[in-house]
Amino acid sequence: MAVLTVAQSDDLIKDRAGFNVSVDSPVSAAELLRFQNEAYADMWEIEGGSRKVVAHATAWSVSPTADTSGVLVGILADINEILRVWQSSTSGSVGDTAGDVELIGPVDLARIRWERSKGTALGIYTGTKIWAATRMATTTAADVNKMRLDVYPGVSGAYYPIEYIPQFTPVTTGTDVYDLTDLGSRDLVLLAALKIVPLLGRSELYAGIANDISERTRLALERKYGSLSSGDQDSSRRER
């Protein structure tokens, strides 16, 4: 199998929801895309997102670091979570160049600020040791979701490549491919159909569609929606 494109999932959703687009389609293309993106967001959350590794110049506004402040201002607006940070002496490194050192973290920003306040009283280091990431508040559209990286100690001339999980990005055209596993893209079709059939007055199709969802996705959905309707947030503990 291969991950479905948006156009391929269009046809499968229509098949499962039981309508013929050539004869007065009950759902427009724009509406169908919205249903797909709602289901895509659910599957993105269930599968946990894929990972990206980028060089310093892609992530931070000054390359390499120009001073020892240990503060790097982000360029990317699609970072959901930074997983790993390296210090490198090589421009263009993505953390796999000989001599690159992975930093300890993430740590609490308060720890970095405390370390900075103590300065050389804690010892003199030639390399960066720890890092903390902060999403900065802003109302400027172009800067929303950009991150600030604090490292200690700051090292002039160093590069800091990162590995991160990106934020969810909706699909927009028929040729787009979902950033999911192949099975995840097929579960997406079923979730989108589940969202559509009650609105079409075809709830009798619901059980059959739900039964075809993979076991992993079904359990994840049960846990998610169970926690929303129960005071016990660990819904897996509840008796069934």
Protein backbone atom coordinates (compact mmCIF):
# COMPACT_ATOMS: atom_id res chain seq x y z
CA MET A 1 0.00 0.00 0.00
CA ALA A 2 0.96 3.66 -0.30
CA VAL A 3 -0.21 6.79 1.46
CA LEU A 4 -3.32 8.13 -0.24
CA THR A 5 -3.50 11.46 -2.00
CA VAL A 6 -6.39 13.80 -1.29
CA ALA A 7 -7.96 12.96 -4.66
CA GLN A 8 -7.79 9.23 -3.95
CA SER A 9 -9.34 9.63 -0.52
CA ASP A 10 -12.11 11.77 -2.08
CA ASP A 11 -13.36 8.79 -4.07
CA LEU A 12 -13.09 6.36 -1.15
CA ILE A 13 -14.97 8.69 1.22
CA LYS A 14 -17.76 9.10 -1.33
CA ASP A 15 -17.97 5.32 -1.73
CA ARG A 16 -18.23 4.73 2.02
CA ALA A 17 -20.74 7.57 2.53
CA GLY A 18 -22.88 6.13 -0.28
CA PHE A 19 -23.33 9.01 -2.67
CA ASN A 20 -22.74 9.50 -6.36
CA VAL A 21 -21.01 12.75 -7.29
CA SER A 22 -22.28 12.58 -10.85
CA VAL A 23 -25.89 12.88 -9.69
CA ASP A 24 -26.51 15.87 -7.43
CA SER A 25 -23.68 15.37 -4.92
CA PRO A 26 -24.85 16.17 -1.38
CA VAL A 27 -21.39 17.43 -0.36
CA SER A 28 -19.39 20.03 -2.29
CA ALA A 29 -15.67 19.68 -2.95
CA ALA A 30 -14.91 22.43 -0.42
CA GLU A 31 -17.07 20.76 2.24
CA LEU A 32 -15.47 17.39 1.60
CA LEU A 33 -12.01 18.92 2.00
CA ARG A 34 -13.03 20.33 5.38
CA PHE A 35 -14.20 16.89 6.53
CA GLN A 36 -10.93 15.40 5.33
CA ASN A 37 -8.87 17.93 7.26
CA GLU A 38 -10.89 17.30 10.43
CA ALA A 39 -10.19 13.59 10.10
CA TYR A 40 -6.58 14.31 9.14
CA ALA A 41 -6.10 16.32 12.35
CA ASP A 42 -7.42 13.37 14.37
CA MET A 43 -5.07 10.94 12.67
CA TRP A 44 -2.14 13.35 13.00
CA GLU A 45 -2.73 13.44 16.75
CA ILE A 46 -3.06 9.66 16.97
CA GLU A 47 0.10 8.91 15.00
CA GLY A 48 2.09 11.57 16.82
CA GLY A 49 3.46 13.50 13.86
CA SER A 50 6.60 12.87 11.83
CA ARG A 51 10.01 14.39 12.52
CA LYS A 52 12.17 16.92 10.74
CA VAL A 53 15.88 17.66 11.18
CA VAL A 54 17.12 21.07 10.03
CA ALA A 55 20.37 22.97 10.04
CA HIS A 56 20.99 26.05 12.19
CA ALA A 57 20.45 28.50 9.34
CA THR A 58 16.98 27.06 8.69
CA ALA A 59 15.94 27.29 12.34
CA TRP A 60 17.59 30.44 13.73
CA SER A 61 17.90 34.00 12.48
CA VAL A 62 21.66 34.44 13.01
CA SER A 63 24.02 31.81 11.67
CA PRO A 64 26.28 31.09 13.34
CA THR A 65 25.60 32.59 16.76
CA ALA A 66 27.20 35.99 16.90
CA ASP A 67 27.64 36.30 20.66
CA THR A 68 27.66 34.37 23.92
CA SER A 69 24.19 35.43 25.13
CA GLY A 70 22.83 31.96 24.46
CA VAL A 71 19.59 33.35 23.00
CA LEU A 72 18.54 32.27 19.49
CA VAL A 73 15.50 33.76 17.73
CA GLY A 74 13.49 31.33 15.61
CA ILE A 75 12.65 31.53 11.92
CA LEU A 76 10.30 28.56 11.62
CA ALA A 77 6.61 28.94 12.41
CA ASP A 78 5.73 25.24 12.08
CA ILE A 79 7.49 23.83 15.16
CA ASN A 80 5.21 21.89 17.47
CA GLU A 81 7.92 20.46 19.73
CA ILE A 82 11.71 20.53 19.64
CA LEU A 83 13.04 17.06 20.42
CA ARG A 84 16.83 17.37 20.15
CA VAL A 85 19.41 20.13 19.85
CA TRP A 86 23.08 19.80 18.93
CA GLN A 87 26.04 22.14 19.07
CA SER A 88 28.13 21.96 15.91
CA SER A 89 31.11 23.73 14.43
CA THR A 90 29.97 22.83 10.92
CA SER A 91 27.69 25.02 8.83
CA GLY A 92 24.87 22.96 7.35
CA SER A 93 25.14 20.17 9.90
CA VAL A 94 21.89 18.47 10.90
CA GLY A 95 23.38 16.86 13.97
CA ASP A 96 25.21 13.98 12.32
CA THR A 97 28.57 15.60 11.55
CA ALA A 98 31.67 14.35 13.33
CA GLY A 99 32.26 16.44 16.43
CA ASP A 100 28.61 17.44 16.91
CA VAL A 101 27.47 17.18 20.53
CA GLU A 102 23.85 16.65 21.54
CA LEU A 103 22.79 18.97 24.35
CA ILE A 104 20.91 17.97 27.50
CA GLY A 105 17.30 19.04 27.50
CA PRO A 106 14.80 20.33 27.37
CA VAL A 107 15.34 21.83 30.80
CA ASP A 108 13.26 24.45 32.57
CA LEU A 109 14.10 27.98 31.41
CA ALA A 110 14.47 28.96 35.08
CA ARG A 111 17.46 26.64 35.35
CA ILE A 112 19.23 28.33 32.45
CA ARG A 113 18.55 31.75 33.94
CA TRP A 114 19.91 30.56 37.29
CA GLU A 115 23.04 29.17 35.63
CA ARG A 116 23.58 32.48 33.83
CA SER A 117 23.18 34.45 37.05
CA LYS A 118 25.91 32.39 38.70
CA GLY A 119 28.27 32.79 35.76
CA THR A 120 31.81 31.50 36.21
CA ALA A 121 31.10 30.60 39.84
CA LEU A 122 29.83 27.27 38.49
CA GLY A 123 32.89 26.67 36.35
CA ILE A 124 34.00 27.67 32.87
CA TYR A 125 32.72 25.57 29.96
CA THR A 126 33.97 25.64 26.39
CA GLY A 127 30.84 23.99 25.01
CA THR A 128 27.10 24.38 25.42
CA LYS A 129 25.48 21.97 27.88
CA ILE A 130 21.70 22.52 28.16
CA TRP A 131 18.77 24.03 26.25
CA ALA A 132 15.20 25.27 26.75
CA ALA A 133 12.64 26.30 24.13
CA THR A 134 9.90 28.89 24.54
CA ARG A 135 7.02 29.82 22.26
CA MET A 136 6.92 33.61 22.25
CA ALA A 137 3.62 35.53 22.52
CA THR A 138 2.86 37.81 19.59
CA THR A 139 -0.05 39.19 17.58
CA THR A 140 2.05 39.62 14.44
CA ALA A 141 0.80 36.98 12.02
CA ALA A 142 4.21 36.27 10.50
CA ASP A 143 5.73 35.64 13.94
CA VAL A 144 3.02 33.46 15.51
CA ASN A 145 4.41 30.09 16.66
CA LYS A 146 8.05 31.05 16.26
CA MET A 147 10.29 29.68 18.99
CA ARG A 148 13.10 31.13 21.07
CA LEU A 149 15.93 28.80 22.05
CA ASP A 150 17.96 29.49 25.18
CA VAL A 151 21.21 27.58 25.61
CA TYR A 152 23.83 27.59 28.34
CA PRO A 153 26.53 28.53 28.11
CA GLY A 154 26.30 30.51 24.91
CA VAL A 155 29.20 29.98 22.49
CA SER A 156 30.10 32.50 19.80
CA GLY A 157 30.38 31.02 16.32
CA ALA A 158 28.52 27.81 17.14
CA TYR A 159 25.72 26.22 15.11
CA TYR A 160 22.64 24.62 16.70
CA PRO A 161 20.80 22.20 14.40
CA ILE A 162 17.55 20.72 15.74
CA GLU A 163 15.18 17.79 15.36
CA TYR A 164 11.52 18.65 15.82
CA ILE A 165 7.92 17.56 15.32
CA PRO A 166 6.14 20.03 13.03
CA GLN A 167 2.66 21.36 13.60
CA PHE A 168 -0.36 20.01 11.76
CA THR A 169 -0.72 21.47 8.27
CA PRO A 170 -4.06 21.00 6.47
CA VAL A 171 -4.13 19.64 2.93
CA THR A 172 -5.39 21.97 0.21
CA THR A 173 -5.32 20.26 -3.21
CA GLY A 174 -6.05 16.89 -4.74
CA THR A 175 -2.38 16.10 -5.32
CA ASP A 176 -1.43 16.65 -1.66
CA VAL A 177 -0.33 13.54 0.25
CA TYR A 178 -1.16 13.13 3.94
CA ASP A 179 1.83 13.05 6.27
CA LEU A 180 0.66 9.76 7.76
CA THR A 181 1.37 6.07 7.46
CA ASP A 182 -0.40 4.24 4.65
CA LEU A 183 -2.80 2.62 7.11
CA GLY A 184 -3.34 5.99 8.80
CA SER A 185 -4.40 7.55 5.50
CA ARG A 186 -7.00 4.79 5.04
CA ASP A 187 -8.29 5.24 8.58
CA LEU A 188 -8.61 8.93 7.72
CA VAL A 189 -11.03 8.00 4.94
CA LEU A 190 -13.18 6.09 7.41
CA LEU A 191 -13.12 8.87 10.01
CA ALA A 192 -14.16 11.43 7.39
CA ALA A 193 -17.00 9.17 6.27
CA LEU A 194 -18.10 8.78 9.91
CA LYS A 195 -18.33 12.56 10.21
CA ILE A 196 -20.38 12.83 7.00
CA VAL A 197 -22.99 10.06 7.12
CA PRO A 198 -25.03 11.37 10.09
CA LEU A 199 -25.37 14.72 8.32
CA LEU A 200 -26.67 12.97 5.23
CA GLY A 201 -29.27 11.03 7.20
CA ARG A 202 -27.42 7.76 6.60
CA SER A 203 -26.56 6.80 10.17
CA GLU A 204 -27.28 3.16 9.33
CA LEU A 205 -23.87 3.13 7.60
CA TYR A 206 -22.06 4.27 10.74
CA ALA A 207 -21.49 0.88 12.39
CA GLY A 208 -20.18 -0.75 9.24
CA ILE A 209 -17.69 2.06 8.62
CA ALA A 210 -16.56 2.12 12.27
CA ASN A 211 -15.93 -1.64 12.23
CA ASP A 212 -13.35 -1.21 9.46
CA ILE A 213 -11.18 1.24 11.41
CA SER A 214 -7.87 -0.31 12.46
CA GLU A 215 -7.53 -1.50 16.05
CA ARG A 216 -4.84 1.03 16.95
CA THR A 217 -6.90 3.97 15.73
CA ARG A 218 -10.07 2.66 17.35
CA LEU A 219 -8.41 2.36 20.76
CA ALA A 220 -6.87 5.82 20.43
CA LEU A 221 -10.25 7.33 19.59
CA GLU A 222 -11.92 5.54 22.49
CA ARG A 223 -9.30 6.92 24.85
CA LYS A 224 -9.56 10.44 23.43
CA TYR A 225 -13.34 10.73 23.48
CA GLY A 226 -13.65 8.78 26.72
CA SER A 227 -11.43 11.27 28.53
CA LEU A 228 -13.54 14.13 27.20
CA SER A 229 -16.71 12.68 28.71
CA SER A 230 -15.27 11.39 31.99
CA GLY A 231 -13.76 13.05 35.04
CA ASP A 232 -11.20 10.24 35.04
CA GLN A 233 -8.75 11.45 32.42
CA ASP A 234 -7.03 8.06 32.31
CA SER A 235 -9.99 6.51 30.52
CA SER A 236 -8.05 3.29 29.89
CA ARG A 237 -8.49 2.44 33.58
CA ARG A 238 -12.25 2.60 33.52
CA GLU A 239 -14.16 -0.63 33.54
CA ARG A 240 -16.03 -1.40 30.37
